[in-house]
Amino acid sequence: EGDVICVFSQYGEVVNINLVRDKKTGKSKGFCFLCYEDQRSTILAVDNFNGIKIKGRTIRVDHVANYRPPKDSDDLDDVTKALHAKGCGVKTPPHTSSDSLSEDDDVSVKKQKGEVCS
């Protein structure tokens, strides 16, 4: 997990990681989910890491629309508790025909999920 965070933190702050493991052996299944602090970091990671080789293995990096961290851990920090409550994907408000955004409007996008396969 630390190695994945170290590599992926090049593009932003990683706020959550879920390295998927086999329940019986505890060994990694070869993929994980991680959540960046902002969507921009996720886009950069997907654009720059998808298809590269790390330690001889080609990795796939992609977006996940509706991800929620697993609820099986007893040691949860505040950030992880918040992710459990609201998830880690972009929340888009429903679009109405009267809504229009100018270039000066701030659109707040907090978190986007990236999937990492190694």
Protein backbone atom coordinates (compact mmCIF):
# COMPACT_ATOMS: atom_id res chain seq x y z
CA GLU A 1 0.00 0.00 0.00
CA GLY A 2 2.80 2.38 0.88
CA ASP A 3 4.49 1.86 -2.48
CA VAL A 4 1.26 2.54 -4.36
CA ILE A 5 0.63 5.70 -2.33
CA CYS A 6 4.22 6.83 -2.90
CA VAL A 7 3.96 6.44 -6.68
CA PHE A 8 0.46 7.87 -7.05
CA SER A 9 1.02 10.83 -4.73
CA GLN A 10 2.97 12.44 -7.59
CA TYR A 11 -0.33 13.79 -8.87
CA GLY A 12 -2.07 14.74 -5.64
CA GLU A 13 -2.92 13.81 -2.09
CA VAL A 14 -4.20 10.25 -1.71
CA VAL A 15 -6.90 10.31 0.97
CA ASN A 16 -7.90 6.64 0.89
CA ILE A 17 -6.55 3.37 -0.46
CA ASN A 18 -8.15 -0.06 -0.58
CA LEU A 19 -5.64 -2.73 -1.62
CA VAL A 20 -7.88 -5.71 -2.35
CA ARG A 21 -6.59 -8.87 -0.64
CA ASP A 22 -7.56 -12.52 -0.60
CA LYS A 23 -9.54 -13.13 2.60
CA LYS A 24 -7.91 -16.50 3.29
CA THR A 25 -4.26 -15.79 2.50
CA GLY A 26 -4.10 -12.02 2.97
CA LYS A 27 -2.13 -11.70 -0.27
CA SER A 28 -2.88 -8.87 -2.67
CA LYS A 29 -5.20 -9.76 -5.55
CA GLY A 30 -3.22 -7.39 -7.78
CA PHE A 31 -5.50 -4.37 -7.79
CA CYS A 32 -6.58 -1.57 -5.54
CA PHE A 33 -8.80 1.47 -5.38
CA LEU A 34 -7.52 4.83 -4.29
CA CYS A 35 -9.17 8.15 -3.73
CA TYR A 36 -7.52 11.49 -4.38
CA GLU A 37 -8.38 14.70 -2.61
CA ASP A 38 -9.60 16.27 -5.87
CA GLN A 39 -10.77 15.26 -9.33
CA ARG A 40 -7.89 17.00 -11.09
CA SER A 41 -5.42 14.62 -9.44
CA THR A 42 -7.47 11.63 -10.57
CA ILE A 43 -7.52 12.84 -14.16
CA LEU A 44 -3.75 13.40 -14.11
CA ALA A 45 -3.11 9.93 -12.67
CA VAL A 46 -5.37 8.23 -15.23
CA ASP A 47 -3.83 10.16 -18.12
CA ASN A 48 -0.23 9.59 -17.03
CA PHE A 49 -0.23 6.12 -15.44
CA ASN A 50 -2.62 4.09 -17.57
CA GLY A 51 -0.62 1.58 -19.61
CA ILE A 52 2.82 2.22 -18.09
CA LYS A 53 5.05 -0.53 -16.74
CA ILE A 54 5.98 -0.63 -13.06
CA LYS A 55 8.30 -3.40 -11.90
CA GLY A 56 7.77 -5.23 -15.19
CA ARG A 57 3.96 -5.18 -15.03
CA THR A 58 1.72 -3.05 -17.20
CA ILE A 59 -0.85 -1.28 -15.03
CA ARG A 60 -4.34 -0.13 -15.85
CA VAL A 61 -5.61 3.05 -14.23
CA ASP A 62 -9.21 4.12 -14.70
CA HIS A 63 -12.10 6.02 -13.11
CA VAL A 64 -14.74 4.44 -10.91
CA ALA A 65 -18.09 6.24 -10.78
CA ASN A 66 -19.69 4.96 -7.56
CA TYR A 67 -17.10 3.70 -5.12
CA ARG A 68 -17.48 3.31 -1.38
CA PRO A 69 -14.61 2.14 0.82
CA PRO A 70 -15.05 -1.25 2.52
CA LYS A 71 -16.73 -1.23 5.92
CA ASP A 72 -14.84 -4.18 7.42
CA SER A 73 -12.13 -2.25 9.26
CA ASP A 74 -12.21 -1.35 12.96
CA ASP A 75 -9.49 1.32 12.74
CA LEU A 76 -11.12 4.15 10.83
CA ASP A 77 -9.73 7.66 10.70
CA ASP A 78 -11.95 10.72 10.20
CA VAL A 79 -11.34 10.88 6.44
CA THR A 80 -12.27 7.22 5.96
CA LYS A 81 -15.39 7.64 8.10
CA ALA A 82 -16.43 10.55 5.90
CA LEU A 83 -15.81 8.45 2.77
CA HIS A 84 -18.03 5.70 4.19
CA ALA A 85 -20.79 8.23 4.71
CA LYS A 86 -20.73 9.94 1.31
CA GLY A 87 -18.60 7.83 -1.01
CA CYS A 88 -15.66 8.93 -3.09
CA GLY A 89 -17.09 9.85 -6.47
CA VAL A 90 -18.00 13.09 -8.14
CA LYS A 91 -21.45 14.26 -7.15
CA THR A 92 -23.18 15.98 -10.04
CA PRO A 93 -26.32 17.97 -9.32
CA PRO A 94 -29.31 17.35 -11.57
CA HIS A 95 -29.21 19.59 -14.65
CA THR A 96 -32.10 21.88 -15.39
CA SER A 97 -32.56 23.99 -18.49
CA SER A 98 -32.45 27.20 -16.43
CA ASP A 99 -29.01 26.32 -15.00
CA SER A 100 -26.04 27.71 -16.86
CA LEU A 101 -22.53 28.27 -15.64
CA SER A 102 -20.28 31.03 -16.80
CA GLU A 103 -16.50 30.67 -16.87
CA ASP A 104 -16.29 32.64 -13.61
CA ASP A 105 -18.55 30.30 -11.61
CA ASP A 106 -16.84 27.97 -9.16
CA VAL A 107 -17.85 24.37 -9.44
CA SER A 108 -16.79 22.40 -6.40
CA VAL A 109 -15.72 18.84 -7.13
CA LYS A 110 -14.21 17.21 -4.08
CA LYS A 111 -13.34 13.61 -4.76
CA GLN A 112 -12.99 11.23 -7.66
CA LYS A 113 -12.03 7.60 -7.48
CA GLY A 114 -9.28 5.99 -9.48
CA GLU A 115 -8.84 2.25 -9.94
CA VAL A 116 -5.35 0.88 -10.01
CA CYS A 117 -4.46 -2.54 -11.33
CA SER A 118 -0.92 -3.70 -10.86
